[in-house]
Amino acid sequence: MLKNDTDVIAAIATAPGRGGVGVVRLSGMVDLNAFFVGLLARPALSPRCATFCSFLDDQGEVIDQGIALYFSNPHSFTGENVLELQGHGGMVVLDRLIARCVELGARLARPGEFSERAFLNDKMDLAQAEAIADLIDASSIQGARSAVRSMQGEFSVLICALVERLIELRIHVEAAIDFPEEEIDFLADERLLKNLQALVSDLRNVLSRAQQGSLLRDGMTVVLVGKPNVGKSSLLNALAGNEAAIVNPTAGTTRDVLRERILLDGMPLNVVDTAGLRETEDEVELEGVRRAWLEIEKADLVMLVADATETDEPDLRAIWPEYFERFPHVDQSVMVVLNKIDRSGHSPGLVEGRDRTFAISAKEKIGVAGLTQYLQRSVGFNGQCEGLFLARRRHLDALQKALELVLEGNRQLEIAGAGELLAEDLRQAQQQLAGITGQFTSDDLLGRIFSSFCIGK
């Protein structure tokens, strides 16, 4: 685990720009009252008392006037002594305050260093710290509410309960291994098998809730592809509810990647419109096609838009063989949208006999609402956000690996009575879950996580 240093760190905690109030935040284990003598034109501050005072430069001239708040350790956000200077929200004023703090011995904080120190000083676990950044970045009310639940520790409580269950099982199994001379075969105890099965069920339940929370946080990325003039841009506009893309009967109108972020009942949807896929000698259009393939590789779902007036049998492999030449094993991440049914006579909705083919008219908005509901169902999003917490990809990976390890250990016990293998699988599963809250976390991972935070948080 990283060791906290003794530097006093300083950062502007409010967003850049012009505003009524701007905040400079400082944190360190030293006595900040003594450390910043010469900055504040008044005697020592009392903890947790708002004090109106002047902020002075090195010549004793007033930089600004505002409120000073002092929090003594460990009763602060970081667990250290914290000083907040609340002045007027102009960048010149805030820059002068920061420069003055550095003159007096502070250093500029790294992104996320305040939250990192809070984690290292046991003021919160890693999942709670990540929830702070998620709350700041929340794009919907549901996402913000879920982030608050995670920040308050609801997700961590579930993880810690699972870890405790694993520890109890490990004690049982390892006792049976360490004392083989006992007449009682602890590994044959039916309670052990029942407890393993109950743990599997609970892991699946938490994983399912975490997947819903991950969709609230990240949503899904849908890439619209197809030949020129099949209606990709019209579909983007229909999903977005505004004229986000230029629609023109001229083939090749879209030559670059166009992105639009929309919300479907609280679930973020990142829609990417791409250039029409076709052979061309036009260098600009050729670059657009190349970028389209790059987006296809990164997509959660590829939506192949086809013209219903030109496609009688919408078989994905038949109408888009190039995709399967490049990605032969990922056809489940592709669906066909049969567009322009207002001119073809097709009925809107899922095409009979084709579970991943949906018929719509983007221009006339026929079937578009059904398509959005289908998208939500396809990723398991049910729109019920109460009780959800936000989860990140690393949380899902850890839960999935822990579930696989417990299932494998259970299989080894049932087939071969292999207590040693079960014990090792349980140990690794515990380590996976403990990594979510930061009990077992590498310094490199901590660096990556906190470097994505805001400066000043």
Protein backbone atom coordinates (compact mmCIF):
# COMPACT_ATOMS: atom_id res chain seq x y z
CA MET A 1 0.00 0.00 0.00
CA LEU A 2 1.18 3.52 -0.74
CA LYS A 3 2.41 5.54 2.20
CA ASN A 4 1.02 9.02 2.60
CA ASP A 5 3.58 11.80 2.44
CA THR A 6 3.80 14.83 4.69
CA ASP A 7 3.55 17.48 1.98
CA VAL A 8 0.90 20.14 2.24
CA ILE A 9 -1.08 19.99 -1.00
CA ALA A 10 -3.13 22.78 -2.54
CA ALA A 11 -5.59 22.98 -5.41
CA ILE A 12 -8.48 25.01 -6.76
CA ALA A 13 -11.53 22.93 -5.85
CA THR A 14 -14.10 24.76 -7.99
CA ALA A 15 -14.53 24.45 -11.74
CA PRO A 16 -12.44 26.77 -13.95
CA GLY A 17 -14.11 29.95 -15.11
CA ARG A 18 -15.98 32.92 -13.74
CA GLY A 19 -18.31 32.45 -10.77
CA GLY A 20 -19.59 33.97 -7.57
CA VAL A 21 -17.46 31.79 -5.29
CA GLY A 22 -14.13 30.06 -5.80
CA VAL A 23 -12.57 27.59 -3.35
CA VAL A 24 -8.91 26.78 -2.71
CA ARG A 25 -8.41 23.60 -0.69
CA LEU A 26 -5.30 22.60 1.27
CA SER A 27 -4.47 19.43 3.19
CA GLY A 28 -1.53 18.18 5.25
CA MET A 29 -0.57 16.73 8.61
CA VAL A 30 1.20 19.90 9.77
CA ASP A 31 -0.55 22.65 11.72
CA LEU A 32 -1.99 24.71 8.88
CA ASN A 33 -2.62 27.66 11.20
CA ALA A 34 1.13 27.97 11.74
CA PHE A 35 2.03 26.90 8.22
CA PHE A 36 0.11 29.76 6.62
CA VAL A 37 1.05 32.61 8.92
CA GLY A 38 1.19 35.61 6.62
CA LEU A 39 -1.62 34.40 4.36
CA LEU A 40 -4.57 35.14 6.65
CA ALA A 41 -4.92 38.53 8.29
CA ARG A 42 -6.15 37.22 11.65
CA PRO A 43 -5.16 35.00 14.61
CA ALA A 44 -5.38 31.20 14.49
CA LEU A 45 -8.61 29.71 13.15
CA SER A 46 -10.90 27.59 15.31
CA PRO A 47 -11.76 24.16 13.89
CA ARG A 48 -15.11 23.94 12.10
CA CYS A 49 -15.81 27.66 12.45
CA ALA A 50 -16.34 29.83 9.39
CA THR A 51 -14.23 32.96 9.72
CA PHE A 52 -14.39 36.05 7.52
CA CYS A 53 -10.91 37.36 6.80
CA SER A 54 -8.58 38.86 4.21
CA PHE A 55 -6.13 36.77 2.16
CA LEU A 56 -2.77 38.55 1.88
CA ASP A 57 0.15 38.42 -0.55
CA ASP A 58 3.84 38.54 0.49
CA GLN A 59 3.71 42.33 0.74
CA GLY A 60 0.70 42.27 3.06
CA GLU A 61 -1.66 43.54 0.37
CA VAL A 62 -5.12 42.03 0.14
CA ILE A 63 -5.57 39.43 -2.62
CA ASP A 64 -9.22 38.85 -1.74
CA GLN A 65 -11.64 38.70 1.16
CA GLY A 66 -13.71 35.66 2.00
CA ILE A 67 -14.37 32.77 4.36
CA ALA A 68 -11.70 30.51 5.87
CA LEU A 69 -12.69 27.07 7.18
CA TYR A 70 -10.31 24.89 9.19
CA PHE A 71 -10.82 21.16 9.87
CA SER A 72 -8.38 19.45 12.22
CA ASN A 73 -7.35 15.82 11.76
CA PRO A 74 -8.80 13.25 11.83
CA HIS A 75 -12.17 15.01 11.51
CA SER A 76 -11.84 16.06 7.89
CA PHE A 77 -12.37 14.72 4.38
CA THR A 78 -8.76 13.57 3.99
CA GLY A 79 -8.15 12.62 7.63
CA GLU A 80 -5.49 15.35 7.75
CA ASN A 81 -5.68 19.03 8.66
CA VAL A 82 -7.68 20.74 5.94
CA LEU A 83 -8.01 24.45 5.18
CA GLU A 84 -10.53 25.83 2.68
CA LEU A 85 -10.37 29.40 1.44
CA GLN A 86 -13.63 30.56 -0.09
CA GLY A 87 -13.18 33.73 -2.10
CA HIS A 88 -14.56 35.24 -5.28
CA GLY A 89 -14.68 32.96 -8.30
CA GLY A 90 -12.33 34.65 -10.74
CA MET A 91 -9.34 32.80 -12.19
CA VAL A 92 -6.92 35.68 -11.50
CA VAL A 93 -7.91 35.74 -7.82
CA LEU A 94 -7.72 31.96 -7.43
CA ASP A 95 -4.40 31.73 -9.29
CA ARG A 96 -2.93 34.38 -6.99
CA LEU A 97 -4.17 32.47 -3.91
CA ILE A 98 -2.65 29.22 -5.17
CA ALA A 99 0.63 30.96 -5.99
CA ARG A 100 0.71 32.42 -2.48
CA CYS A 101 0.12 28.98 -0.92
CA VAL A 102 3.00 27.56 -2.96
CA GLU A 103 5.24 30.45 -1.85
CA LEU A 104 4.52 29.46 1.75
CA GLY A 105 5.56 25.83 1.18
CA ALA A 106 2.59 23.96 -0.26
CA ARG A 107 2.76 22.04 -3.52
CA LEU A 108 0.13 21.65 -6.23
CA ALA A 109 -2.03 18.57 -5.72
CA ARG A 110 -2.17 15.82 -8.28
CA PRO A 111 -5.57 14.90 -9.77
CA GLY A 112 -7.55 13.00 -7.16
CA GLU A 113 -4.90 13.38 -4.45
CA PHE A 114 -7.35 14.62 -1.81
CA SER A 115 -9.54 11.53 -2.33
CA GLU A 116 -6.42 9.35 -2.44
CA ARG A 117 -5.31 10.65 0.95
CA ALA A 118 -8.82 10.06 2.31
CA PHE A 119 -8.56 6.44 1.15
CA LEU A 120 -5.04 5.96 2.50
CA ASN A 121 -6.08 7.46 5.85
CA ASP A 122 -9.05 5.04 6.11
CA LYS A 123 -11.71 7.73 5.71
CA MET A 124 -13.32 5.68 2.93
CA ASP A 125 -12.66 2.54 0.93
CA LEU A 126 -11.73 2.45 -2.74
CA ALA A 127 -15.26 1.82 -4.03
CA GLN A 128 -16.53 4.83 -2.07
CA ALA A 129 -13.69 7.00 -3.39
CA GLU A 130 -14.53 6.01 -6.97
CA ALA A 131 -18.18 6.86 -6.30
CA ILE A 132 -17.15 10.48 -5.62
CA ALA A 133 -15.84 10.80 -9.18
CA ASP A 134 -18.93 9.00 -10.50
CA LEU A 135 -21.22 11.43 -8.67
CA ILE A 136 -19.40 14.39 -10.21
CA ASP A 137 -19.64 12.83 -13.67
CA ALA A 138 -23.24 11.56 -13.34
CA SER A 139 -25.29 12.32 -16.45
CA SER A 140 -28.73 11.45 -15.04
CA ILE A 141 -30.70 11.73 -11.80
CA GLN A 142 -30.74 7.95 -11.48
CA GLY A 143 -26.99 7.79 -11.95
CA ALA A 144 -26.42 10.49 -9.32
CA ARG A 145 -28.65 8.69 -6.81
CA SER A 146 -26.83 5.42 -7.39
CA ALA A 147 -23.45 7.14 -7.02
CA VAL A 148 -24.57 8.55 -3.66
CA ARG A 149 -25.52 5.06 -2.50
CA SER A 150 -22.07 3.78 -3.44
CA MET A 151 -20.43 6.79 -1.80
CA GLN A 152 -22.37 6.08 1.40
CA GLY A 153 -21.04 2.54 1.37
CA GLU A 154 -23.98 0.38 0.24
CA PHE A 155 -21.90 -1.40 -2.41
CA SER A 156 -18.98 -1.80 0.02
CA VAL A 157 -21.26 -3.35 2.66
CA LEU A 158 -22.39 -6.02 0.18
CA ILE A 159 -18.80 -6.76 -0.85
CA CYS A 160 -17.59 -6.95 2.75
CA ALA A 161 -20.44 -9.35 3.59
CA LEU A 162 -19.39 -11.61 0.71
CA VAL A 163 -15.77 -11.47 1.88
CA GLU A 164 -16.84 -12.49 5.40
CA ARG A 165 -18.77 -15.44 3.95
CA LEU A 166 -15.66 -16.51 2.04
CA ILE A 167 -13.52 -16.25 5.18
CA GLU A 168 -15.94 -18.49 7.11
CA LEU A 169 -15.86 -21.06 4.30
CA ARG A 170 -12.06 -20.92 4.16
CA ILE A 171 -11.85 -21.53 7.92
CA HIS A 172 -14.09 -24.58 7.54
CA VAL A 173 -12.19 -26.03 4.57
CA GLU A 174 -8.69 -25.29 5.83
CA ALA A 175 -9.50 -26.77 9.23
CA ALA A 176 -10.50 -30.00 7.48
CA ILE A 177 -7.19 -29.97 5.58
CA ASP A 178 -5.06 -29.20 8.65
CA PHE A 179 -6.65 -31.86 10.85
CA PRO A 180 -7.15 -34.90 8.61
CA GLU A 181 -6.88 -37.30 11.56
CA GLU A 182 -10.25 -36.17 12.90
CA GLU A 183 -12.96 -38.78 12.56
CA ILE A 184 -15.45 -36.24 11.19
CA ASP A 185 -15.09 -35.51 7.47
CA PHE A 186 -15.72 -31.77 7.41
CA LEU A 187 -15.54 -31.67 3.61
CA ALA A 188 -18.49 -34.09 3.39
CA ASP A 189 -20.61 -31.87 5.62
CA GLU A 190 -23.82 -30.95 3.79
CA ARG A 191 -23.71 -27.50 5.35
CA LEU A 192 -20.50 -26.75 3.47
CA LEU A 193 -22.12 -27.56 0.14
CA LYS A 194 -25.23 -25.55 1.00
CA ASN A 195 -23.13 -22.57 2.09
CA LEU A 196 -21.16 -22.74 -1.16
CA GLN A 197 -24.37 -22.82 -3.20
CA ALA A 198 -25.81 -19.90 -1.19
CA LEU A 199 -22.61 -17.93 -1.81
CA VAL A 200 -22.86 -18.60 -5.54
CA SER A 201 -26.46 -17.34 -5.51
CA ASP A 202 -25.50 -14.16 -3.62
CA LEU A 203 -22.53 -13.50 -5.90
CA ARG A 204 -24.81 -13.75 -8.92
CA ASN A 205 -27.30 -11.38 -7.32
CA VAL A 206 -24.65 -8.73 -6.53
CA LEU A 207 -23.13 -9.16 -10.01
CA SER A 208 -26.54 -8.61 -11.61
CA ARG A 209 -27.09 -5.43 -9.60
CA ALA A 210 -23.57 -4.26 -10.40
CA GLN A 211 -24.19 -4.80 -14.11
CA GLN A 212 -27.28 -2.60 -13.89
CA GLY A 213 -25.22 0.01 -12.06
CA SER A 214 -22.50 -0.19 -14.69
CA LEU A 215 -25.08 0.54 -17.39
CA LEU A 216 -26.22 3.58 -15.40
CA ARG A 217 -22.64 4.82 -15.24
CA ASP A 218 -21.25 3.97 -18.68
CA GLY A 219 -24.30 3.07 -20.74
CA MET A 220 -23.62 1.27 -23.98
CA THR A 221 -21.94 2.34 -27.19
CA VAL A 222 -23.94 1.65 -30.34
CA VAL A 223 -22.27 2.12 -33.72
CA LEU A 224 -24.47 2.64 -36.75
CA VAL A 225 -23.00 1.16 -39.92
CA GLY A 226 -24.20 0.27 -43.39
CA LYS A 227 -24.00 1.25 -47.01
CA PRO A 228 -24.43 4.90 -48.01
CA ASN A 229 -28.02 6.20 -48.05
CA VAL A 230 -29.61 3.46 -45.95
CA GLY A 231 -30.71 5.98 -43.27
CA LYS A 232 -28.01 5.81 -40.59
CA SER A 233 -28.08 9.56 -39.96
CA SER A 234 -31.89 9.56 -39.95
CA LEU A 235 -31.80 6.84 -37.31
CA LEU A 236 -29.31 8.84 -35.22
CA ASN A 237 -31.64 11.85 -35.38
CA ALA A 238 -34.65 9.71 -34.46
CA LEU A 239 -32.87 8.25 -31.42
CA ALA A 240 -31.49 11.63 -30.33
CA GLY A 241 -34.77 13.47 -30.86
CA ASN A 242 -33.06 16.31 -32.71
CA GLU A 243 -31.29 17.04 -35.99
CA ALA A 244 -27.86 15.93 -34.81
CA ALA A 245 -26.72 14.74 -38.24
CA ILE A 246 -27.12 16.16 -41.73
CA VAL A 247 -29.57 14.11 -43.79
CA ASN A 248 -29.29 14.37 -47.56
CA PRO A 249 -30.14 11.99 -50.42
CA THR A 250 -26.60 12.42 -51.77
CA ALA A 251 -24.61 9.26 -51.05
CA GLY A 252 -21.58 9.76 -48.82
CA THR A 253 -22.91 12.79 -46.91
CA THR A 254 -21.44 11.46 -43.65
CA ARG A 255 -17.68 11.21 -44.01
CA ASP A 256 -16.52 11.34 -40.41
CA VAL A 257 -17.54 9.84 -37.08
CA LEU A 258 -20.46 11.65 -35.40
CA ARG A 259 -21.26 11.00 -31.73
CA GLU A 260 -24.41 11.70 -29.76
CA ARG A 261 -25.09 10.83 -26.10
CA ILE A 262 -28.73 10.29 -25.18
CA LEU A 263 -30.65 8.82 -22.24
CA LEU A 264 -33.06 5.90 -22.47
CA ASP A 265 -35.06 5.86 -19.22
CA GLY A 266 -31.90 6.79 -17.33
CA MET A 267 -29.53 4.53 -19.28
CA PRO A 268 -26.90 6.49 -21.22
CA LEU A 269 -26.65 5.51 -24.87
CA ASN A 270 -23.61 6.59 -26.85
CA VAL A 271 -24.65 6.50 -30.51
CA VAL A 272 -21.93 6.70 -33.14
CA ASP A 273 -22.83 7.46 -36.76
CA THR A 274 -20.22 6.44 -39.32
CA ALA A 275 -19.44 6.88 -42.99
CA GLY A 276 -21.17 4.53 -45.41
CA LEU A 277 -19.17 1.34 -45.96
CA ARG A 278 -18.34 0.96 -49.65
CA GLU A 279 -15.41 0.74 -52.03
CA THR A 280 -14.26 4.22 -52.97
CA GLU A 281 -11.29 6.07 -54.39
CA ASP A 282 -12.17 9.33 -52.66
CA GLU A 283 -9.40 9.84 -50.05
CA VAL A 284 -11.65 11.68 -47.58
CA GLU A 285 -14.42 9.07 -47.78
CA LEU A 286 -11.82 6.30 -47.57
CA GLU A 287 -10.55 7.77 -44.29
CA GLY A 288 -14.15 7.89 -43.04
CA VAL A 289 -14.56 4.18 -43.81
CA ARG A 290 -11.30 3.38 -42.01
CA ARG A 291 -12.52 5.26 -38.93
CA ALA A 292 -15.84 3.43 -39.12
CA TRP A 293 -14.06 0.08 -38.79
CA LEU A 294 -12.12 1.38 -35.79
CA GLU A 295 -15.40 2.32 -34.09
CA ILE A 296 -16.86 -1.10 -34.92
CA GLU A 297 -14.02 -2.78 -33.05
CA LYS A 298 -14.77 -0.80 -29.86
CA ALA A 299 -18.58 -1.01 -29.95
CA ASP A 300 -20.79 -2.73 -27.39
CA LEU A 301 -23.35 -3.20 -30.15
CA VAL A 302 -23.02 -2.79 -33.91
CA MET A 303 -26.26 -1.80 -35.59
CA LEU A 304 -26.19 -2.66 -39.31
CA VAL A 305 -28.75 -0.44 -41.01
CA ALA A 306 -30.17 -1.96 -44.20
CA ASP A 307 -32.65 -0.62 -46.74
CA ALA A 308 -35.89 -2.60 -46.47
CA THR A 309 -36.70 -1.83 -50.12
CA GLU A 310 -33.49 -3.58 -51.24
CA THR A 311 -33.28 -6.47 -48.76
CA ASP A 312 -35.93 -9.21 -48.92
CA GLU A 313 -34.16 -11.67 -46.63
CA PRO A 314 -32.25 -9.73 -43.93
CA ASP A 315 -29.70 -12.42 -43.14
CA LEU A 316 -26.78 -10.75 -41.40
CA ARG A 317 -24.07 -12.99 -42.81
CA ALA A 318 -25.44 -12.64 -46.31
CA ILE A 319 -25.70 -8.85 -46.39
CA TRP A 320 -22.50 -8.11 -44.47
CA PRO A 321 -19.90 -10.84 -45.11
CA GLU A 322 -17.02 -8.37 -44.62
CA TYR A 323 -17.82 -8.11 -40.91
CA PHE A 324 -17.53 -11.84 -40.33
CA GLU A 325 -14.31 -11.98 -42.28
CA ARG A 326 -12.83 -9.58 -39.73
CA PHE A 327 -14.68 -10.75 -36.62
CA PRO A 328 -15.82 -14.35 -37.14
CA HIS A 329 -16.78 -15.05 -33.51
CA VAL A 330 -18.71 -11.98 -32.36
CA ASP A 331 -21.96 -12.06 -34.33
CA GLN A 332 -23.97 -11.72 -31.08
CA SER A 333 -22.76 -8.11 -30.80
CA VAL A 334 -24.38 -7.22 -34.13
CA MET A 335 -28.01 -6.65 -35.06
CA VAL A 336 -29.78 -5.63 -38.25
CA VAL A 337 -32.07 -2.60 -38.40
CA LEU A 338 -34.31 -2.87 -41.43
CA ASN A 339 -35.03 0.76 -42.29
CA LYS A 340 -37.49 2.51 -44.65
CA ILE A 341 -40.38 0.13 -43.96
CA ASP A 342 -42.76 3.00 -44.80
CA ARG A 343 -41.80 2.28 -48.43
CA SER A 344 -41.45 -1.51 -48.24
CA GLY A 345 -44.61 -2.63 -46.44
CA HIS A 346 -42.81 -4.49 -43.62
CA SER A 347 -44.39 -4.43 -40.17
CA PRO A 348 -42.48 -2.61 -37.43
CA GLY A 349 -40.77 -4.61 -34.69
CA LEU A 350 -38.77 -7.80 -34.56
CA VAL A 351 -38.77 -9.59 -37.91
CA GLU A 352 -40.37 -13.01 -37.59
CA GLY A 353 -37.77 -15.74 -37.43
CA ARG A 354 -34.94 -13.24 -36.89
CA ASP A 355 -34.34 -12.52 -33.19
CA ARG A 356 -31.73 -9.84 -33.90
CA THR A 357 -33.44 -8.03 -36.78
CA PHE A 358 -35.70 -5.05 -36.09
CA ALA A 359 -37.83 -3.23 -38.68
CA ILE A 360 -38.39 0.54 -38.46
CA SER A 361 -38.83 3.73 -40.42
CA ALA A 362 -36.38 6.28 -39.00
CA LYS A 363 -37.79 9.07 -41.19
CA GLU A 364 -41.39 8.52 -40.08
CA LYS A 365 -40.44 7.48 -36.49
CA ILE A 366 -42.23 4.13 -36.94
CA GLY A 367 -40.96 1.43 -34.60
CA VAL A 368 -38.22 3.61 -33.08
CA ALA A 369 -39.71 3.47 -29.57
CA GLY A 370 -39.85 -0.31 -29.82
CA LEU A 371 -36.22 -0.36 -30.94
CA THR A 372 -35.07 1.60 -27.88
CA GLN A 373 -36.94 -0.81 -25.60
CA TYR A 374 -35.35 -3.72 -27.42
CA LEU A 375 -31.90 -2.18 -26.88
CA GLN A 376 -32.54 -1.93 -23.14
CA ARG A 377 -33.76 -5.53 -22.94
CA SER A 378 -30.79 -6.79 -24.96
CA VAL A 379 -28.34 -5.58 -22.31
CA GLY A 380 -30.54 -6.50 -19.34
CA PHE A 381 -31.44 -2.95 -18.30
CA ASN A 382 -34.81 -2.98 -16.57
CA GLY A 383 -35.15 0.71 -15.70
CA GLN A 384 -35.65 -0.06 -11.99
CA CYS A 385 -32.97 2.11 -10.39
CA GLU A 386 -34.04 2.04 -6.76
CA GLY A 387 -31.44 0.31 -4.61
CA LEU A 388 -28.83 0.29 -7.38
CA PHE A 389 -25.25 1.41 -6.88
CA LEU A 390 -22.83 2.49 -9.57
CA ALA A 391 -20.20 -0.05 -10.58
CA ARG A 392 -17.14 0.16 -12.78
CA ARG A 393 -15.74 -2.35 -15.24
CA ARG A 394 -13.08 -3.46 -12.75
CA HIS A 395 -15.82 -4.19 -10.18
CA LEU A 396 -17.69 -6.36 -12.69
CA ASP A 397 -14.50 -8.20 -13.65
CA ALA A 398 -13.67 -8.90 -10.00
CA LEU A 399 -17.18 -10.15 -9.22
CA GLN A 400 -17.23 -12.34 -12.33
CA LYS A 401 -13.82 -13.86 -11.53
CA ALA A 402 -14.84 -14.47 -7.91
CA LEU A 403 -18.01 -16.23 -9.07
CA GLU A 404 -16.05 -18.41 -11.51
CA LEU A 405 -13.54 -19.33 -8.80
CA VAL A 406 -16.24 -20.33 -6.31
CA LEU A 407 -18.03 -22.38 -8.98
CA GLU A 408 -14.78 -24.13 -9.88
CA GLY A 409 -14.02 -24.82 -6.23
CA ASN A 410 -17.50 -26.23 -5.74
CA ARG A 411 -17.00 -28.48 -8.77
CA GLN A 412 -13.68 -29.75 -7.43
CA LEU A 413 -15.30 -30.55 -4.09
CA GLU A 414 -18.25 -32.42 -5.62
CA ILE A 415 -16.22 -34.41 -8.17
CA ALA A 416 -12.99 -35.18 -6.34
CA GLY A 417 -13.42 -34.00 -2.76
CA ALA A 418 -10.37 -31.83 -3.41
CA GLY A 419 -10.27 -29.63 -0.33
CA GLU A 420 -6.88 -28.12 -1.20
CA LEU A 421 -8.13 -26.93 -4.60
CA LEU A 422 -11.32 -25.55 -3.06
CA ALA A 423 -9.31 -23.70 -0.43
CA GLU A 424 -7.11 -22.09 -3.09
CA ASP A 425 -10.11 -21.07 -5.21
CA LEU A 426 -11.78 -19.51 -2.16
CA ARG A 427 -8.57 -17.64 -1.29
CA GLN A 428 -8.33 -16.19 -4.80
CA ALA A 429 -12.04 -15.31 -4.80
CA GLN A 430 -11.59 -13.43 -1.52
CA GLN A 431 -8.66 -11.54 -3.00
CA GLN A 432 -10.71 -10.56 -6.06
CA LEU A 433 -13.52 -9.14 -3.92
CA ALA A 434 -11.16 -7.42 -1.49
CA GLY A 435 -9.61 -5.61 -4.45
CA ILE A 436 -12.94 -3.85 -5.05
CA THR A 437 -12.77 -2.01 -1.73
CA GLY A 438 -8.98 -1.65 -1.87
CA GLN A 439 -7.96 -4.15 0.81
CA PHE A 440 -5.71 -5.86 -1.75
CA THR A 441 -4.87 -3.31 -4.43
CA SER A 442 -1.63 -2.61 -6.28
CA ASP A 443 -0.06 0.84 -6.21
CA ASP A 444 -0.24 0.96 -10.01
CA LEU A 445 -4.02 0.44 -9.93
CA LEU A 446 -4.42 3.17 -7.32
CA GLY A 447 -2.42 5.53 -9.50
CA ARG A 448 -4.63 4.83 -12.52
CA ILE A 449 -7.86 5.24 -10.54
CA PHE A 450 -7.08 8.51 -8.78
CA SER A 451 -5.36 10.13 -11.77
CA SER A 452 -8.77 10.16 -13.51
CA PHE A 453 -10.30 12.32 -10.76
CA CYS A 454 -10.71 16.09 -10.80
CA ILE A 455 -7.89 18.23 -9.48
CA GLY A 456 -8.99 19.47 -6.06
CA LYS A 457 -11.01 16.33 -5.27
